[in-house]
């Protein structure tokens, strides 16, 4: 049993490393697009001046609309000051919205917390990826994710709650996790969250109701 446990731990660690690389690549892509937009900003201003000088009102409005759309695509959704959390959650929320998923996010994370950035990256990345995957099985008008993160008043604990719509009426739970048919990757994602929460002495609960799946996590800070 000891050898098997060690093998599982190594596979989880390898999975976490691969997942972190994917999440960091998504974040870097978002910030890369922002840098490109900033580089081209002077050119945009010059074009707008020309259109304004020519009195081309319709073309000017269309150009401004296109700029607004482009900025919405690359602008960070969250600006709390905690750079890692802002980056990973902004990236995932933008990804969800690009897939026509309605995201309601109410997030408050302090600038400095003693939870390692990699742990938060794995927790938030996995939770959002799983919620997005579940929503994609639904018609566009039924795709919804509700994310709430805040500090529990006076307790020194971070409370994380994410609820997403699901296609199934009630999902099968096994050992506190959803029984999955997606293969080892999905299972290791859930195990990664479980291990991080346990390592920090936190609390985790998953609940499947008709048409909705929710995860609640409490992390001591």
Protein backbone atom coordinates (compact mmCIF):
# COMPACT_ATOMS: atom_id res chain seq x y z
CA UNK A 1 0.00 0.00 0.00
CA UNK A 2 2.88 2.37 0.78
CA UNK A 3 4.39 1.92 -2.71
CA UNK A 4 1.00 2.41 -4.38
CA UNK A 5 0.41 5.56 -2.33
CA UNK A 6 3.81 6.93 -3.34
CA UNK A 7 3.08 6.25 -7.02
CA UNK A 8 -0.25 8.05 -6.77
CA UNK A 9 1.42 11.01 -5.04
CA UNK A 10 4.01 11.23 -7.83
CA UNK A 11 1.30 11.11 -10.52
CA UNK A 12 -0.62 13.86 -8.74
CA UNK A 13 2.52 15.99 -8.50
CA UNK A 14 3.21 15.47 -12.22
CA UNK A 15 -0.40 16.36 -13.03
CA UNK A 16 -0.20 19.52 -10.91
CA UNK A 17 3.00 20.59 -12.69
CA UNK A 18 1.39 20.10 -16.13
CA UNK A 19 -1.75 21.92 -15.02
CA UNK A 20 0.22 24.86 -13.65
CA UNK A 21 2.07 25.16 -16.97
CA UNK A 22 -1.25 25.27 -18.85
CA UNK A 23 -2.71 27.89 -16.51
CA UNK A 24 0.41 30.05 -16.61
CA UNK A 25 0.43 29.81 -20.43
CA UNK A 26 -3.18 31.06 -20.52
CA UNK A 27 -2.30 33.97 -18.26
CA UNK A 28 0.83 34.84 -20.26
CA UNK A 29 -1.22 34.78 -23.47
CA UNK A 30 -3.70 37.26 -21.98
CA UNK A 31 -0.96 39.63 -20.84
CA UNK A 32 0.83 39.20 -24.18
CA UNK A 33 -2.29 40.41 -25.96
CA UNK A 34 -2.47 43.37 -23.58
CA UNK A 35 1.14 44.31 -24.36
CA UNK A 36 0.43 44.10 -28.10
CA UNK A 37 -2.62 46.34 -27.72
CA UNK A 38 -0.52 48.88 -25.82
CA UNK A 39 2.16 48.76 -28.52
CA UNK A 40 -0.45 49.50 -31.23
CA UNK A 41 -2.25 52.19 -29.21
CA UNK A 42 -0.49 55.12 -30.90
CA UNK A 43 -1.45 53.75 -34.32
CA UNK A 44 -5.08 53.52 -33.19
CA UNK A 45 -5.01 57.16 -32.03
CA UNK A 46 -3.59 58.30 -35.37
CA UNK A 47 -6.28 56.41 -37.28
CA UNK A 48 -9.01 57.93 -35.12
CA UNK A 49 -7.60 61.43 -35.74
CA UNK A 50 -7.65 60.89 -39.50
CA UNK A 51 -11.24 59.62 -39.44
CA UNK A 52 -12.31 62.53 -37.23
CA UNK A 53 -10.52 65.04 -39.49
CA UNK A 54 -12.25 63.64 -42.56
CA UNK A 55 -15.63 63.78 -40.85
CA UNK A 56 -16.13 60.04 -41.39
CA UNK A 57 -18.48 59.64 -38.43
CA UNK A 58 -19.79 56.19 -39.30
CA UNK A 59 -16.31 54.78 -39.83
CA UNK A 60 -15.09 56.47 -36.64
CA UNK A 61 -17.88 54.89 -34.57
CA UNK A 62 -17.27 51.46 -36.13
CA UNK A 63 -13.54 51.72 -35.38
CA UNK A 64 -14.25 52.69 -31.77
CA UNK A 65 -16.66 49.77 -31.42
CA UNK A 66 -14.00 47.37 -32.69
CA UNK A 67 -11.45 48.80 -30.25
CA UNK A 68 -13.92 48.42 -27.41
CA UNK A 69 -14.54 44.77 -28.30
CA UNK A 70 -10.81 44.08 -28.51
CA UNK A 71 -10.16 45.71 -25.15
CA UNK A 72 -12.95 43.71 -23.51
CA UNK A 73 -11.36 40.50 -24.81
CA UNK A 74 -7.96 41.17 -23.25
CA UNK A 75 -8.68 43.37 -20.23
CA UNK A 76 -8.38 41.61 -16.85
CA UNK A 77 -11.84 40.87 -15.50
CA UNK A 78 -10.70 41.18 -11.87
CA UNK A 79 -8.43 43.82 -10.34
CA UNK A 80 -8.17 43.04 -6.64
CA UNK A 81 -4.43 43.63 -6.35
CA UNK A 82 -3.48 40.00 -5.76
CA UNK A 83 -1.71 39.52 -9.09
CA UNK A 84 -1.79 35.71 -9.23
CA UNK A 85 -5.48 35.44 -8.35
CA UNK A 86 -6.39 38.34 -10.65
CA UNK A 87 -4.53 36.71 -13.52
CA UNK A 88 -5.77 33.12 -13.25
CA UNK A 89 -9.39 34.03 -12.50
CA UNK A 90 -9.50 36.73 -15.19
CA UNK A 91 -8.12 34.22 -17.69
CA UNK A 92 -10.68 31.54 -16.78
CA UNK A 93 -13.64 33.95 -16.63
CA UNK A 94 -12.71 35.38 -20.03
CA UNK A 95 -12.42 31.83 -21.40
CA UNK A 96 -15.88 30.94 -20.03
CA UNK A 97 -17.50 34.06 -21.47
CA UNK A 98 -15.89 33.40 -24.86
CA UNK A 99 -17.82 30.10 -24.83
CA UNK A 100 -21.12 31.89 -24.15
CA UNK A 101 -21.18 30.98 -20.46
CA UNK A 102 -22.71 33.58 -18.15
CA UNK A 103 -20.33 34.12 -15.21
CA UNK A 104 -21.36 35.92 -12.05
CA UNK A 105 -18.18 36.58 -10.06
CA UNK A 106 -18.03 38.21 -6.64
CA UNK A 107 -14.41 37.89 -5.55
CA UNK A 108 -12.51 39.57 -2.74
CA UNK A 109 -8.97 38.30 -2.09
CA UNK A 110 -6.40 40.28 -0.07
CA UNK A 111 -3.21 41.39 -1.76
CA UNK A 112 -1.06 39.36 0.64
CA UNK A 113 -2.10 35.93 1.90
CA UNK A 114 -0.03 33.00 3.12
CA UNK A 115 -1.50 30.45 0.69
CA UNK A 116 1.15 29.71 -1.98
CA UNK A 117 0.24 31.12 -5.44
CA UNK A 118 0.67 27.68 -7.04
CA UNK A 119 -1.95 26.20 -4.67
CA UNK A 120 -4.45 28.93 -5.53
CA UNK A 121 -3.68 28.48 -9.23
CA UNK A 122 -4.47 24.76 -9.03
CA UNK A 123 -7.64 25.26 -6.96
CA UNK A 124 -9.14 28.07 -9.05
CA UNK A 125 -7.95 26.61 -12.36
CA UNK A 126 -9.42 23.18 -11.68
CA UNK A 127 -12.71 24.52 -10.30
CA UNK A 128 -13.24 26.81 -13.29
CA UNK A 129 -12.15 24.21 -15.87
CA UNK A 130 -14.58 21.65 -14.43
CA UNK A 131 -17.40 24.20 -14.33
CA UNK A 132 -16.75 25.25 -17.93
CA UNK A 133 -16.69 21.62 -19.13
CA UNK A 134 -20.03 20.97 -17.41
CA UNK A 135 -21.64 24.09 -18.88
CA UNK A 136 -20.58 23.26 -22.43
CA UNK A 137 -22.94 20.27 -22.37
CA UNK A 138 -25.90 22.65 -21.98
CA UNK A 139 -27.75 24.93 -24.42
CA UNK A 140 -26.23 28.43 -24.50
CA UNK A 141 -29.08 30.07 -22.55
CA UNK A 142 -28.61 27.61 -19.65
CA UNK A 143 -24.84 27.98 -19.20
CA UNK A 144 -24.13 29.61 -15.85
CA UNK A 145 -21.29 29.77 -13.33
CA UNK A 146 -21.50 31.53 -9.97
CA UNK A 147 -18.17 32.23 -8.24
CA UNK A 148 -17.92 33.73 -4.77
CA UNK A 149 -14.68 34.25 -2.84
CA UNK A 150 -14.32 36.28 0.34
CA UNK A 151 -12.80 36.33 3.81
CA UNK A 152 -15.00 35.04 6.61
CA UNK A 153 -15.41 37.96 8.97
CA UNK A 154 -13.17 37.73 12.04
CA UNK A 155 -12.13 34.13 11.38
CA UNK A 156 -9.01 34.54 9.26
CA UNK A 157 -10.37 32.10 6.69
CA UNK A 158 -10.92 32.30 2.94
CA UNK A 159 -14.29 31.05 1.73
CA UNK A 160 -14.56 29.79 -1.85
CA UNK A 161 -17.84 28.78 -3.46
CA UNK A 162 -18.45 27.86 -7.09
CA UNK A 163 -21.73 26.63 -8.55
CA UNK A 164 -22.35 25.66 -12.15
CA UNK A 165 -25.31 24.43 -14.12
CA UNK A 166 -25.13 20.78 -15.19
CA UNK A 167 -26.86 18.68 -17.81
CA UNK A 168 -27.56 15.80 -15.39
CA UNK A 169 -30.28 16.06 -12.76
CA UNK A 170 -28.10 14.66 -9.97
CA UNK A 171 -24.51 13.50 -10.30
CA UNK A 172 -23.18 10.34 -8.67
CA UNK A 173 -20.84 11.05 -5.77
CA UNK A 174 -18.07 8.68 -4.70
CA UNK A 175 -15.81 9.34 -1.68
CA UNK A 176 -16.96 12.96 -1.62
CA UNK A 177 -16.15 13.51 -5.29
CA UNK A 178 -18.11 13.25 -8.51
CA UNK A 179 -17.85 9.83 -10.06
CA UNK A 180 -16.25 10.65 -13.38
CA UNK A 181 -15.87 8.88 -16.70
CA UNK A 182 -13.44 11.47 -18.05
CA UNK A 183 -10.33 9.49 -17.16
CA UNK A 184 -7.33 9.95 -14.87
CA UNK A 185 -6.78 13.63 -15.69
CA UNK A 186 -10.11 14.73 -14.29
CA UNK A 187 -9.71 12.46 -11.25
CA UNK A 188 -6.26 13.85 -10.48
CA UNK A 189 -7.65 17.37 -10.75
CA UNK A 190 -10.12 16.65 -7.98
CA UNK A 191 -7.47 14.86 -5.93
CA UNK A 192 -5.15 17.86 -6.31
CA UNK A 193 -7.78 20.16 -4.81
CA UNK A 194 -8.48 17.67 -2.01
CA UNK A 195 -4.78 17.37 -1.14
CA UNK A 196 -4.20 21.13 -1.08
CA UNK A 197 -7.21 21.76 1.15
CA UNK A 198 -6.16 18.93 3.50
CA UNK A 199 -2.56 20.19 3.64
CA UNK A 200 -3.78 23.62 4.76
CA UNK A 201 -6.13 22.09 7.32
CA UNK A 202 -9.15 23.39 5.43
CA UNK A 203 -12.68 22.22 4.71
CA UNK A 204 -14.15 21.00 1.42
CA UNK A 205 -17.68 20.03 0.45
CA UNK A 206 -19.23 19.04 -2.89
CA UNK A 207 -22.94 18.89 -3.53
CA UNK A 208 -24.98 17.82 -6.54
CA UNK A 209 -28.56 18.99 -6.81
CA UNK A 210 -30.99 18.92 -9.73
CA UNK A 211 -29.34 20.87 -12.53
CA UNK A 212 -26.53 22.34 -10.40
CA UNK A 213 -23.21 21.29 -8.93
CA UNK A 214 -21.45 23.24 -6.18
CA UNK A 215 -18.11 23.14 -4.37
CA UNK A 216 -17.37 24.94 -1.12
CA UNK A 217 -13.87 25.35 0.31
CA UNK A 218 -12.62 27.05 3.47
CA UNK A 219 -8.89 27.74 3.77
CA UNK A 220 -7.31 29.00 7.01
CA UNK A 221 -5.13 32.06 6.38
